[in-house]
Amino acid sequence: MAFDPASLNYDAAGLIPAIAQDATTGEVLMMAWMTAGAVARTLETGRVTYWSRSRQAYWVKGETSGHVQTLVDFRLDCDRDCLLVLVEQAGPACHTNRRSCFYTAVRAGTEVELMPPMAG
């Protein structure tokens, strides 16, 4: 059965959350939004493409920074309303120059930084 991006359950704005995970380490790198068009582009090109809500435009991860996400596997959750993209990540995934966007934790009521920005 061929996959149709329109078969996913998008929100009222036509968006679906996509979680990027390192295909080798299992580390959760980031979360961003996709449209049906971004899903199609990702599957066609193998370069993970998101939808920028602020710019109202497609955003190919790494297009300007060089921190490319190459698609390894594309997964759907059971309700078809969230995506998991397993990727090969070149460099940091976060715009703060950290490996992961999830670099802050709350521990014993205190916010703690788990990782500094990457050198370079």
PDB file of N, CA and C in Angstrom:
ATOM      1  N   MET A   1       0.851  -1.177   0.000  1.00  0.00           N
ATOM      2  CA  MET A   1       0.000   0.000   0.000  1.00  0.00           C
ATOM      3  C   MET A   1       0.894   1.238   0.000  1.00  0.00           C
ATOM      4  N   ALA A   2       0.690   2.116  -0.925  1.00  0.00           N
ATOM      5  CA  ALA A   2       1.466   3.354  -1.019  1.00  0.00           C
ATOM      6  C   ALA A   2       1.077   4.307   0.109  1.00  0.00           C
ATOM      7  N   PHE A   3       2.051   5.025   0.619  1.00  0.00           N
ATOM      8  CA  PHE A   3       1.807   5.997   1.690  1.00  0.00           C
ATOM      9  C   PHE A   3       1.378   7.327   1.099  1.00  0.00           C
ATOM     10  N   ASP A   4       0.348   7.910   1.681  1.00  0.00           N
ATOM     11  CA  ASP A   4      -0.143   9.219   1.268  1.00  0.00           C
ATOM     12  C   ASP A   4      -0.022  10.172   2.448  1.00  0.00           C
ATOM     13  N   PRO A   5       0.795  11.237   2.347  1.00  0.00           N
ATOM     14  CA  PRO A   5       0.931  12.186   3.451  1.00  0.00           C
ATOM     15  C   PRO A   5      -0.406  12.773   3.914  1.00  0.00           C
ATOM     16  N   ALA A   6      -1.386  12.838   3.050  1.00  0.00           N
ATOM     17  CA  ALA A   6      -2.704  13.369   3.421  1.00  0.00           C
ATOM     18  C   ALA A   6      -3.443  12.443   4.382  1.00  0.00           C
ATOM     19  N   SER A   7      -2.954  11.201   4.538  1.00  0.00           N
ATOM     20  CA  SER A   7      -3.613  10.243   5.428  1.00  0.00           C
ATOM     21  C   SER A   7      -3.284  10.479   6.903  1.00  0.00           C
ATOM     22  N   LEU A   8      -2.364  11.403   7.176  1.00  0.00           N
ATOM     23  CA  LEU A   8      -1.999  11.708   8.561  1.00  0.00           C
ATOM     24  C   LEU A   8      -3.029  12.643   9.182  1.00  0.00           C
ATOM     25  N   ASN A   9      -3.056  12.692  10.501  1.00  0.00           N
ATOM     26  CA  ASN A   9      -3.988  13.558  11.228  1.00  0.00           C
ATOM     27  C   ASN A   9      -3.289  14.849  11.624  1.00  0.00           C
ATOM     28  N   TYR A  10      -3.481  15.878  10.823  1.00  0.00           N
ATOM     29  CA  TYR A  10      -2.890  17.188  11.061  1.00  0.00           C
ATOM     30  C   TYR A  10      -3.809  18.008  11.962  1.00  0.00           C
ATOM     31  N   ASP A  11      -3.240  19.011  12.636  1.00  0.00           N
ATOM     32  CA  ASP A  11      -4.068  19.892  13.465  1.00  0.00           C
ATOM     33  C   ASP A  11      -4.823  20.877  12.565  1.00  0.00           C
ATOM     34  N   ALA A  12      -5.573  21.784  13.173  1.00  0.00           N
ATOM     35  CA  ALA A  12      -6.408  22.730  12.418  1.00  0.00           C
ATOM     36  C   ALA A  12      -5.584  23.630  11.500  1.00  0.00           C
ATOM     37  N   ALA A  13      -4.297  23.827  11.832  1.00  0.00           N
ATOM     38  CA  ALA A  13      -3.419  24.659  11.003  1.00  0.00           C
ATOM     39  C   ALA A  13      -2.712  23.846   9.919  1.00  0.00           C
ATOM     40  N   GLY A  14      -3.023  22.539   9.841  1.00  0.00           N
ATOM     41  CA  GLY A  14      -2.396  21.683   8.834  1.00  0.00           C
ATOM     42  C   GLY A  14      -1.012  21.201   9.235  1.00  0.00           C
ATOM     43  N   LEU A  15      -0.748  21.184  10.540  1.00  0.00           N
ATOM     44  CA  LEU A  15       0.573  20.809  11.046  1.00  0.00           C
ATOM     45  C   LEU A  15       0.527  19.509  11.838  1.00  0.00           C
ATOM     46  N   ILE A  16       1.663  18.822  11.852  1.00  0.00           N
ATOM     47  CA  ILE A  16       1.824  17.612  12.643  1.00  0.00           C
ATOM     48  C   ILE A  16       3.201  17.696  13.313  1.00  0.00           C
ATOM     49  N   PRO A  17       3.294  17.373  14.625  1.00  0.00           N
ATOM     50  CA  PRO A  17       4.603  17.418  15.281  1.00  0.00           C
ATOM     51  C   PRO A  17       5.491  16.276  14.802  1.00  0.00           C
ATOM     52  N   ALA A  18       6.777  16.601  14.656  1.00  0.00           N
ATOM     53  CA  ALA A  18       7.764  15.611  14.235  1.00  0.00           C
ATOM     54  C   ALA A  18       8.937  15.650  15.208  1.00  0.00           C
ATOM     55  N   ILE A  19       9.221  14.529  15.817  1.00  0.00           N
ATOM     56  CA  ILE A  19      10.327  14.405  16.752  1.00  0.00           C
ATOM     57  C   ILE A  19      11.504  13.803  16.005  1.00  0.00           C
ATOM     58  N   ALA A  20      12.648  14.479  16.082  1.00  0.00           N
ATOM     59  CA  ALA A  20      13.862  13.976  15.441  1.00  0.00           C
ATOM     60  C   ALA A  20      14.702  13.259  16.493  1.00  0.00           C
ATOM     61  N   GLN A  21      15.095  12.031  16.162  1.00  0.00           N
ATOM     62  CA  GLN A  21      15.882  11.187  17.063  1.00  0.00           C
ATOM     63  C   GLN A  21      17.104  10.680  16.318  1.00  0.00           C
ATOM     64  N   ASP A  22      18.255  10.683  16.981  1.00  0.00           N
ATOM     65  CA  ASP A  22      19.469  10.160  16.375  1.00  0.00           C
ATOM     66  C   ASP A  22      19.291   8.659  16.144  1.00  0.00           C
ATOM     67  N   ALA A  23      19.444   8.227  14.915  1.00  0.00           N
ATOM     68  CA  ALA A  23      19.192   6.833  14.548  1.00  0.00           C
ATOM     69  C   ALA A  23      20.197   5.877  15.182  1.00  0.00           C
ATOM     70  N   THR A  24      21.369   6.344  15.527  1.00  0.00           N
ATOM     71  CA  THR A  24      22.399   5.492  16.106  1.00  0.00           C
ATOM     72  C   THR A  24      22.327   5.441  17.626  1.00  0.00           C
ATOM     73  N   THR A  25      22.241   6.616  18.262  1.00  0.00           N
ATOM     74  CA  THR A  25      22.311   6.685  19.723  1.00  0.00           C
ATOM     75  C   THR A  25      20.947   6.644  20.404  1.00  0.00           C
ATOM     76  N   GLY A  26      19.881   6.972  19.667  1.00  0.00           N
ATOM     77  CA  GLY A  26      18.551   7.045  20.263  1.00  0.00           C
ATOM     78  C   GLY A  26      18.277   8.369  20.952  1.00  0.00           C
ATOM     79  N   GLU A  27      19.239   9.277  20.936  1.00  0.00           N
ATOM     80  CA  GLU A  27      19.071  10.582  21.588  1.00  0.00           C
ATOM     81  C   GLU A  27      17.982  11.398  20.881  1.00  0.00           C
ATOM     82  N   VAL A  28      17.071  11.964  21.665  1.00  0.00           N
ATOM     83  CA  VAL A  28      16.056  12.852  21.108  1.00  0.00           C
ATOM     84  C   VAL A  28      16.719  14.194  20.847  1.00  0.00           C
ATOM     85  N   LEU A  29      16.654  14.654  19.606  1.00  0.00           N
ATOM     86  CA  LEU A  29      17.372  15.859  19.202  1.00  0.00           C
ATOM     87  C   LEU A  29      16.508  17.112  19.214  1.00  0.00           C
ATOM     88  N   MET A  30      15.309  17.016  18.686  1.00  0.00           N
ATOM     89  CA  MET A  30      14.465  18.197  18.561  1.00  0.00           C
ATOM     90  C   MET A  30      13.042  17.810  18.196  1.00  0.00           C
ATOM     91  N   MET A  31      12.168  18.784  18.257  1.00  0.00           N
ATOM     92  CA  MET A  31      10.797  18.644  17.783  1.00  0.00           C
ATOM     93  C   MET A  31      10.507  19.847  16.913  1.00  0.00           C
ATOM     94  N   ALA A  32       9.863  19.631  15.799  1.00  0.00           N
ATOM     95  CA  ALA A  32       9.451  20.705  14.906  1.00  0.00           C
ATOM     96  C   ALA A  32       8.158  20.278  14.227  1.00  0.00           C
ATOM     97  N   TRP A  33       7.639  21.134  13.389  1.00  0.00           N
ATOM     98  CA  TRP A  33       6.351  20.886  12.725  1.00  0.00           C
ATOM     99  C   TRP A  33       6.548  20.555  11.262  1.00  0.00           C
ATOM    100  N   MET A  34       5.650  19.719  10.750  1.00  0.00           N
ATOM    101  CA  MET A  34       5.623  19.406   9.324  1.00  0.00           C
ATOM    102  C   MET A  34       4.212  19.631   8.793  1.00  0.00           C
ATOM    103  N   THR A  35       4.149  19.936   7.523  1.00  0.00           N
ATOM    104  CA  THR A  35       2.897  19.957   6.776  1.00  0.00           C
ATOM    105  C   THR A  35       2.913  18.718   5.882  1.00  0.00           C
ATOM    106  N   ALA A  36       1.831  18.470   5.178  1.00  0.00           N
ATOM    107  CA  ALA A  36       1.815  17.348   4.222  1.00  0.00           C
ATOM    108  C   ALA A  36       2.910  17.536   3.181  1.00  0.00           C
ATOM    109  N   GLY A  37       3.130  18.770   2.760  1.00  0.00           N
ATOM    110  CA  GLY A  37       4.186  19.056   1.788  1.00  0.00           C
ATOM    111  C   GLY A  37       5.572  18.771   2.340  1.00  0.00           C
ATOM    112  N   ALA A  38       5.797  19.114   3.612  1.00  0.00           N
ATOM    113  CA  ALA A  38       7.096  18.842   4.234  1.00  0.00           C
ATOM    114  C   ALA A  38       7.323  17.342   4.378  1.00  0.00           C
ATOM    115  N   VAL A  39       6.264  16.609   4.713  1.00  0.00           N
ATOM    116  CA  VAL A  39       6.356  15.146   4.793  1.00  0.00           C
ATOM    117  C   VAL A  39       6.753  14.589   3.426  1.00  0.00           C
ATOM    118  N   ALA A  40       6.065  15.032   2.388  1.00  0.00           N
ATOM    119  CA  ALA A  40       6.352  14.548   1.033  1.00  0.00           C
ATOM    120  C   ALA A  40       7.780  14.874   0.617  1.00  0.00           C
ATOM    121  N   ARG A  41       8.221  16.102   0.877  1.00  0.00           N
ATOM    122  CA  ARG A  41       9.585  16.506   0.517  1.00  0.00           C
ATOM    123  C   ARG A  41      10.628  15.684   1.264  1.00  0.00           C
ATOM    124  N   THR A  42      10.378  15.433   2.548  1.00  0.00           N
ATOM    125  CA  THR A  42      11.305  14.630   3.350  1.00  0.00           C
ATOM    126  C   THR A  42      11.450  13.241   2.760  1.00  0.00           C
ATOM    127  N   LEU A  43      10.332  12.621   2.434  1.00  0.00           N
ATOM    128  CA  LEU A  43      10.365  11.266   1.891  1.00  0.00           C
ATOM    129  C   LEU A  43      10.962  11.223   0.492  1.00  0.00           C
ATOM    130  N   GLU A  44      10.747  12.266  -0.297  1.00  0.00           N
ATOM    131  CA  GLU A  44      11.284  12.309  -1.661  1.00  0.00           C
ATOM    132  C   GLU A  44      12.785  12.558  -1.694  1.00  0.00           C
ATOM    133  N   THR A  45      13.273  13.423  -0.808  1.00  0.00           N
ATOM    134  CA  THR A  45      14.670  13.856  -0.880  1.00  0.00           C
ATOM    135  C   THR A  45      15.598  13.162   0.109  1.00  0.00           C
ATOM    136  N   GLY A  46      15.050  12.635   1.206  1.00  0.00           N
ATOM    137  CA  GLY A  46      15.897  12.066   2.244  1.00  0.00           C
ATOM    138  C   GLY A  46      16.519  13.120   3.137  1.00  0.00           C
ATOM    139  N   ARG A  47      16.241  14.385   2.879  1.00  0.00           N
ATOM    140  CA  ARG A  47      16.668  15.514   3.719  1.00  0.00           C
ATOM    141  C   ARG A  47      15.453  15.947   4.523  1.00  0.00           C
ATOM    142  N   VAL A  48      15.559  15.952   5.850  1.00  0.00           N
ATOM    143  CA  VAL A  48      14.397  16.255   6.681  1.00  0.00           C
ATOM    144  C   VAL A  48      13.993  17.711   6.491  1.00  0.00           C
ATOM    145  N   THR A  49      12.725  17.885   6.146  1.00  0.00           N
ATOM    146  CA  THR A  49      12.162  19.201   5.849  1.00  0.00           C
ATOM    147  C   THR A  49      11.019  19.471   6.798  1.00  0.00           C
ATOM    148  N   TYR A  50      11.064  20.631   7.435  1.00  0.00           N
ATOM    149  CA  TYR A  50      10.031  21.037   8.381  1.00  0.00           C
ATOM    150  C   TYR A  50       9.274  22.235   7.816  1.00  0.00           C
ATOM    151  N   TRP A  51       8.260  22.679   8.575  1.00  0.00           N
ATOM    152  CA  TRP A  51       7.521  23.891   8.234  1.00  0.00           C
ATOM    153  C   TRP A  51       7.837  24.927   9.300  1.00  0.00           C
ATOM    154  N   SER A  52       8.368  26.059   8.888  1.00  0.00           N
ATOM    155  CA  SER A  52       8.650  27.150   9.820  1.00  0.00           C
ATOM    156  C   SER A  52       7.384  27.965  10.015  1.00  0.00           C
ATOM    157  N   ARG A  53       6.849  27.933  11.214  1.00  0.00           N
ATOM    158  CA  ARG A  53       5.630  28.702  11.508  1.00  0.00           C
ATOM    159  C   ARG A  53       5.920  30.192  11.481  1.00  0.00           C
ATOM    160  N   SER A  54       7.108  30.605  11.906  1.00  0.00           N
ATOM    161  CA  SER A  54       7.419  32.035  11.936  1.00  0.00           C
ATOM    162  C   SER A  54       7.635  32.606  10.532  1.00  0.00           C
ATOM    163  N   ARG A  55       8.273  31.837   9.657  1.00  0.00           N
ATOM    164  CA  ARG A  55       8.534  32.300   8.288  1.00  0.00           C
ATOM    165  C   ARG A  55       7.444  31.880   7.303  1.00  0.00           C
ATOM    166  N   GLN A  56       6.576  30.950   7.736  1.00  0.00           N
ATOM    167  CA  GLN A  56       5.545  30.410   6.847  1.00  0.00           C
ATOM    168  C   GLN A  56       6.174  29.871   5.555  1.00  0.00           C
ATOM    169  N   ALA A  57       7.197  29.030   5.759  1.00  0.00           N
ATOM    170  CA  ALA A  57       7.933  28.488   4.619  1.00  0.00           C
ATOM    171  C   ALA A  57       8.561  27.149   5.009  1.00  0.00           C
ATOM    172  N   TYR A  58       8.896  26.351   3.989  1.00  0.00           N
ATOM    173  CA  TYR A  58       9.612  25.109   4.245  1.00  0.00           C
ATOM    174  C   TYR A  58      11.002  25.431   4.787  1.00  0.00           C
ATOM    175  N   TRP A  59      11.483  24.532   5.631  1.00  0.00           N
ATOM    176  CA  TRP A  59      12.782  24.689   6.268  1.00  0.00           C
ATOM    177  C   TRP A  59      13.488  23.344   6.172  1.00  0.00           C
ATOM    178  N   VAL A  60      14.470  23.253   5.288  1.00  0.00           N
ATOM    179  CA  VAL A  60      15.263  22.030   5.151  1.00  0.00           C
ATOM    180  C   VAL A  60      16.359  22.110   6.210  1.00  0.00           C
ATOM    181  N   LYS A  61      16.313  21.212   7.170  1.00  0.00           N
ATOM    182  CA  LYS A  61      17.259  21.252   8.288  1.00  0.00           C
ATOM    183  C   LYS A  61      18.682  21.222   7.754  1.00  0.00           C
ATOM    184  N   GLY A  62      19.469  22.232   8.155  1.00  0.00           N
ATOM    185  CA  GLY A  62      20.870  22.314   7.755  1.00  0.00           C
ATOM    186  C   GLY A  62      21.116  23.069   6.472  1.00  0.00           C
ATOM    187  N   GLU A  63      20.074  23.554   5.828  1.00  0.00           N
ATOM    188  CA  GLU A  63      20.219  24.235   4.538  1.00  0.00           C
ATOM    189  C   GLU A  63      21.152  25.449   4.636  1.00  0.00           C
ATOM    190  N   THR A  64      21.058  26.198   5.726  1.00  0.00           N
ATOM    191  CA  THR A  64      21.942  27.353   5.886  1.00  0.00           C
ATOM    192  C   THR A  64      23.064  27.088   6.872  1.00  0.00           C
ATOM    193  N   SER A  65      22.837  26.247   7.885  1.00  0.00           N
ATOM    194  CA  SER A  65      23.842  26.000   8.925  1.00  0.00           C
ATOM    195  C   SER A  65      24.828  24.893   8.573  1.00  0.00           C
ATOM    196  N   GLY A  66      24.422  24.001   7.682  1.00  0.00           N
ATOM    197  CA  GLY A  66      25.235  22.824   7.386  1.00  0.00           C
ATOM    198  C   GLY A  66      24.974  21.674   8.337  1.00  0.00           C
ATOM    199  N   HIS A  67      24.088  21.880   9.319  1.00  0.00           N
ATOM    200  CA  HIS A  67      23.774  20.846  10.306  1.00  0.00           C
ATOM    201  C   HIS A  67      22.617  19.987   9.807  1.00  0.00           C
ATOM    202  N   VAL A  68      22.897  19.255   8.774  1.00  0.00           N
ATOM    203  CA  VAL A  68      21.917  18.488   8.004  1.00  0.00           C
ATOM    204  C   VAL A  68      21.386  17.292   8.786  1.00  0.00           C
ATOM    205  N   GLN A  69      20.108  17.026   8.591  1.00  0.00           N
ATOM    206  CA  GLN A  69      19.500  15.789   9.081  1.00  0.00           C
ATOM    207  C   GLN A  69      19.183  14.924   7.863  1.00  0.00           C
ATOM    208  N   THR A  70      19.833  13.782   7.787  1.00  0.00           N
ATOM    209  CA  THR A  70      19.581  12.822   6.720  1.00  0.00           C
ATOM    210  C   THR A  70      18.619  11.774   7.266  1.00  0.00           C
ATOM    211  N   LEU A  71      17.538  11.551   6.552  1.00  0.00           N
ATOM    212  CA  LEU A  71      16.506  10.614   6.985  1.00  0.00           C
ATOM    213  C   LEU A  71      17.008   9.173   6.933  1.00  0.00           C
ATOM    214  N   VAL A  72      16.814   8.454   8.038  1.00  0.00           N
ATOM    215  CA  VAL A  72      17.135   7.029   8.108  1.00  0.00           C
ATOM    216  C   VAL A  72      15.844   6.218   8.136  1.00  0.00           C
ATOM    217  N   ASP A  73      14.861   6.670   8.921  1.00  0.00           N
ATOM    218  CA  ASP A  73      13.582   5.972   9.018  1.00  0.00           C
ATOM    219  C   ASP A  73      12.501   6.993   9.351  1.00  0.00           C
ATOM    220  N   PHE A  74      11.306   6.764   8.856  1.00  0.00           N
ATOM    221  CA  PHE A  74      10.170   7.674   9.034  1.00  0.00           C
ATOM    222  C   PHE A  74       9.044   6.872   9.665  1.00  0.00           C
ATOM    223  N   ARG A  75       8.659   7.240  10.887  1.00  0.00           N
ATOM    224  CA  ARG A  75       7.671   6.449  11.625  1.00  0.00           C
ATOM    225  C   ARG A  75       6.458   7.288  12.002  1.00  0.00           C
ATOM    226  N   LEU A  76       5.312   6.611  12.100  1.00  0.00           N
ATOM    227  CA  LEU A  76       4.040   7.230  12.479  1.00  0.00           C
ATOM    228  C   LEU A  76       3.615   6.659  13.815  1.00  0.00           C
ATOM    229  N   ASP A  77       2.994   7.487  14.659  1.00  0.00           N
ATOM    230  CA  ASP A  77       2.460   6.931  15.900  1.00  0.00           C
ATOM    231  C   ASP A  77       1.108   6.282  15.617  1.00  0.00           C
ATOM    232  N   CYS A  78       0.568   5.613  16.624  1.00  0.00           N
ATOM    233  CA  CYS A  78      -0.650   4.820  16.454  1.00  0.00           C
ATOM    234  C   CYS A  78      -1.872   5.648  16.059  1.00  0.00           C
ATOM    235  N   ASP A  79      -1.912   6.916  16.464  1.00  0.00           N
ATOM    236  CA  ASP A  79      -3.038   7.788  16.114  1.00  0.00           C
ATOM    237  C   ASP A  79      -2.791   8.574  14.832  1.00  0.00           C
ATOM    238  N   ARG A  80      -1.606   8.415  14.255  1.00  0.00           N
ATOM    239  CA  ARG A  80      -1.217   9.095  13.024  1.00  0.00           C
ATOM    240  C   ARG A  80      -1.224  10.619  13.185  1.00  0.00           C
ATOM    241  N   ASP A  81      -0.953  11.076  14.441  1.00  0.00           N
ATOM    242  CA  ASP A  81      -0.941  12.525  14.670  1.00  0.00           C
ATOM    243  C   ASP A  81       0.394  13.017  15.235  1.00  0.00           C
ATOM    244  N   CYS A  82       1.424  12.175  15.149  1.00  0.00           N
ATOM    245  CA  CYS A  82       2.771  12.560  15.561  1.00  0.00           C
ATOM    246  C   CYS A  82       3.760  11.699  14.776  1.00  0.00           C
ATOM    247  N   LEU A  83       4.881  12.294  14.397  1.00  0.00           N
ATOM    248  CA  LEU A  83       5.884  11.595  13.607  1.00  0.00           C
ATOM    249  C   LEU A  83       7.172  11.446  14.387  1.00  0.00           C
ATOM    250  N   LEU A  84       7.898  10.390  14.088  1.00  0.00           N
ATOM    251  CA  LEU A  84       9.238  10.180  14.612  1.00  0.00           C
ATOM    252  C   LEU A  84      10.150  10.007  13.406  1.00  0.00           C
ATOM    253  N   VAL A  85      11.104  10.923  13.263  1.00  0.00           N
ATOM    254  CA  VAL A  85      12.059  10.805  12.165  1.00  0.00           C
ATOM    255  C   VAL A  85      13.406  10.417  12.762  1.00  0.00           C
ATOM    256  N   LEU A  86      13.897   9.262  12.381  1.00  0.00           N
ATOM    257  CA  LEU A  86      15.217   8.821  12.806  1.00  0.00           C
ATOM    258  C   LEU A  86      16.204   9.355  11.794  1.00  0.00           C
ATOM    259  N   VAL A  87      17.240  10.030  12.295  1.00  0.00           N
ATOM    260  CA  VAL A  87      18.120  10.787  11.414  1.00  0.00           C
ATOM    261  C   VAL A  87      19.584  10.524  11.707  1.00  0.00           C
ATOM    262  N   GLU A  88      20.405  10.834  10.716  1.00  0.00           N
ATOM    263  CA  GLU A  88      21.833  11.025  10.910  1.00  0.00           C
ATOM    264  C   GLU A  88      21.996  12.531  11.007  1.00  0.00           C
ATOM    265  N   GLN A  89      22.454  13.011  12.160  1.00  0.00           N
ATOM    266  CA  GLN A  89      22.579  14.440  12.416  1.00  0.00           C
ATOM    267  C   GLN A  89      24.022  14.879  12.239  1.00  0.00           C
ATOM    268  N   ALA A  90      24.248  15.867  11.376  1.00  0.00           N
ATOM    269  CA  ALA A  90      25.574  16.466  11.216  1.00  0.00           C
ATOM    270  C   ALA A  90      25.639  17.694  12.110  1.00  0.00           C
ATOM    271  N   GLY A  91      26.508  17.669  13.113  1.00  0.00           N
ATOM    272  CA  GLY A  91      26.653  18.812  14.011  1.00  0.00           C
ATOM    273  C   GLY A  91      25.490  18.936  14.966  1.00  0.00           C
ATOM    274  N   PRO A  92      25.326  20.124  15.560  1.00  0.00           N
ATOM    275  CA  PRO A  92      24.251  20.326  16.522  1.00  0.00           C
ATOM    276  C   PRO A  92      22.886  20.352  15.846  1.00  0.00           C
ATOM    277  N   ALA A  93      21.872  19.902  16.574  1.00  0.00           N
ATOM    278  CA  ALA A  93      20.500  19.955  16.057  1.00  0.00           C
ATOM    279  C   ALA A  93      19.808  21.241  16.479  1.00  0.00           C
ATOM    280  N   CYS A  94      20.240  21.826  17.583  1.00  0.00           N
ATOM    281  CA  CYS A  94      19.575  22.998  18.156  1.00  0.00           C
ATOM    282  C   CYS A  94      20.178  24.293  17.620  1.00  0.00           C
ATOM    283  N   HIS A  95      19.328  25.300  17.452  1.00  0.00           N
ATOM    284  CA  HIS A  95      19.807  26.603  16.985  1.00  0.00           C
ATOM    285  C   HIS A  95      20.714  27.292  18.015  1.00  0.00           C
ATOM    286  N   THR A  96      20.759  26.761  19.256  1.00  0.00           N
ATOM    287  CA  THR A  96      21.661  27.297  20.281  1.00  0.00           C
ATOM    288  C   THR A  96      23.048  26.663  20.192  1.00  0.00           C
ATOM    289  N   ASN A  97      23.259  25.871  19.159  1.00  0.00           N
ATOM    290  CA  ASN A  97      24.521  25.178  18.894  1.00  0.00           C
ATOM    291  C   ASN A  97      24.770  24.020  19.863  1.00  0.00           C
ATOM    292  N   ARG A  98      23.677  23.440  20.359  1.00  0.00           N
ATOM    293  CA  ARG A  98      23.787  22.257  21.214  1.00  0.00           C
ATOM    294  C   ARG A  98      23.365  21.027  20.415  1.00  0.00           C
ATOM    295  N   ARG A  99      23.834  19.893  20.831  1.00  0.00           N
ATOM    296  CA  ARG A  99      23.508  18.638  20.155  1.00  0.00           C
ATOM    297  C   ARG A  99      22.000  18.407  20.117  1.00  0.00           C
ATOM    298  N   SER A 100      21.318  18.727  21.217  1.00  0.00           N
ATOM    299  CA  SER A 100      19.880  18.504  21.341  1.00  0.00           C
ATOM    300  C   SER A 100      19.198  19.778  21.829  1.00  0.00           C
ATOM    301  N   CYS A 101      17.969  19.978  21.413  1.00  0.00           N
ATOM    302  CA  CYS A 101      17.172  21.094  21.933  1.00  0.00           C
ATOM    303  C   CYS A 101      16.761  20.834  23.384  1.00  0.00           C
ATOM    304  N   PHE A 102      16.828  19.605  23.816  1.00  0.00           N
ATOM    305  CA  PHE A 102      16.418  19.223  25.169  1.00  0.00           C
ATOM    306  C   PHE A 102      17.636  19.227  26.098  1.00  0.00           C
ATOM    307  N   TYR A 103      18.207  20.415  26.283  1.00  0.00           N
ATOM    308  CA  TYR A 103      19.427  20.552  27.080  1.00  0.00           C
ATOM    309  C   TYR A 103      19.167  21.120  28.472  1.00  0.00           C
ATOM    310  N   THR A 104      17.900  21.308  28.828  1.00  0.00           N
ATOM    311  CA  THR A 104      17.543  21.818  30.144  1.00  0.00           C
ATOM    312  C   THR A 104      16.630  20.825  30.843  1.00  0.00           C
ATOM    313  N   ALA A 105      16.878  20.623  32.141  1.00  0.00           N
ATOM    314  CA  ALA A 105      16.043  19.731  32.954  1.00  0.00           C
ATOM    315  C   ALA A 105      15.608  20.483  34.208  1.00  0.00           C
ATOM    316  N   VAL A 106      14.511  20.030  34.793  1.00  0.00           N
ATOM    317  CA  VAL A 106      14.089  20.532  36.097  1.00  0.00           C
ATOM    318  C   VAL A 106      14.314  19.395  37.076  1.00  0.00           C
ATOM    319  N   ARG A 107      15.197  19.634  38.036  1.00  0.00           N
ATOM    320  CA  ARG A 107      15.563  18.614  39.028  1.00  0.00           C
ATOM    321  C   ARG A 107      15.452  19.222  40.416  1.00  0.00           C
ATOM    322  N   ALA A 108      14.630  18.597  41.234  1.00  0.00           N
ATOM    323  CA  ALA A 108      14.393  19.076  42.609  1.00  0.00           C
ATOM    324  C   ALA A 108      13.973  20.542  42.600  1.00  0.00           C
ATOM    325  N   GLY A 109      13.135  20.904  41.632  1.00  0.00           N
ATOM    326  CA  GLY A 109      12.602  22.256  41.557  1.00  0.00           C
ATOM    327  C   GLY A 109      13.536  23.299  40.981  1.00  0.00           C
ATOM    328  N   THR A 110      14.695  22.863  40.494  1.00  0.00           N
ATOM    329  CA  THR A 110      15.680  23.791  39.946  1.00  0.00           C
ATOM    330  C   THR A 110      15.935  23.469  38.481  1.00  0.00           C
ATOM    331  N   GLU A 111      15.996  24.522  37.661  1.00  0.00           N
ATOM    332  CA  GLU A 111      16.312  24.340  36.244  1.00  0.00           C
ATOM    333  C   GLU A 111      17.823  24.178  36.103  1.00  0.00           C
ATOM    334  N   VAL A 112      18.228  23.113  35.403  1.00  0.00           N
ATOM    335  CA  VAL A 112      19.633  22.759  35.266  1.00  0.00           C
ATOM    336  C   VAL A 112      19.978  22.627  33.790  1.00  0.00           C
ATOM    337  N   GLU A 113      21.097  23.226  33.379  1.00  0.00           N
ATOM    338  CA  GLU A 113      21.589  23.077  32.008  1.00  0.00           C
ATOM    339  C   GLU A 113      22.399  21.791  31.925  1.00  0.00           C
ATOM    340  N   LEU A 114      22.005  20.908  31.002  1.00  0.00           N
ATOM    341  CA  LEU A 114      22.641  19.597  30.894  1.00  0.00           C
ATOM    342  C   LEU A 114      23.837  19.566  29.975  1.00  0.00           C
ATOM    343  N   MET A 115      23.889  20.495  29.012  1.00  0.00           N
ATOM    344  CA  MET A 115      25.007  20.482  28.060  1.00  0.00           C
ATOM    345  C   MET A 115      25.281  21.897  27.577  1.00  0.00           C
ATOM    346  N   PRO A 116      26.559  22.223  27.444  1.00  0.00           N
ATOM    347  CA  PRO A 116      26.918  23.534  26.909  1.00  0.00           C
ATOM    348  C   PRO A 116      26.836  23.502  25.374  1.00  0.00           C
ATOM    349  N   PRO A 117      26.903  24.694  24.755  1.00  0.00           N
ATOM    350  CA  PRO A 117      26.966  24.704  23.288  1.00  0.00           C
ATOM    351  C   PRO A 117      28.204  23.944  22.800  1.00  0.00           C
ATOM    352  N   MET A 118      28.109  23.400  21.599  1.00  0.00           N
ATOM    353  CA  MET A 118      29.224  22.660  21.013  1.00  0.00           C
ATOM    354  C   MET A 118      30.297  23.650  20.567  1.00  0.00           C
ATOM    355  N   ALA A 119      31.538  23.219  20.636  1.00  0.00           N
ATOM    356  CA  ALA A 119      32.643  24.061  20.182  1.00  0.00           C
ATOM    357  C   ALA A 119      32.597  24.132  18.658  1.00  0.00           C
ATOM    358  N   GLY A 120      33.109  25.223  18.149  1.00  0.00           N
ATOM    359  CA  GLY A 120      33.224  25.267  16.709  1.00  0.00           C
ATOM    360  C   GLY A 120      32.654  26.466  16.141  1.00  0.00           C
TER     361      GLY A 120
END
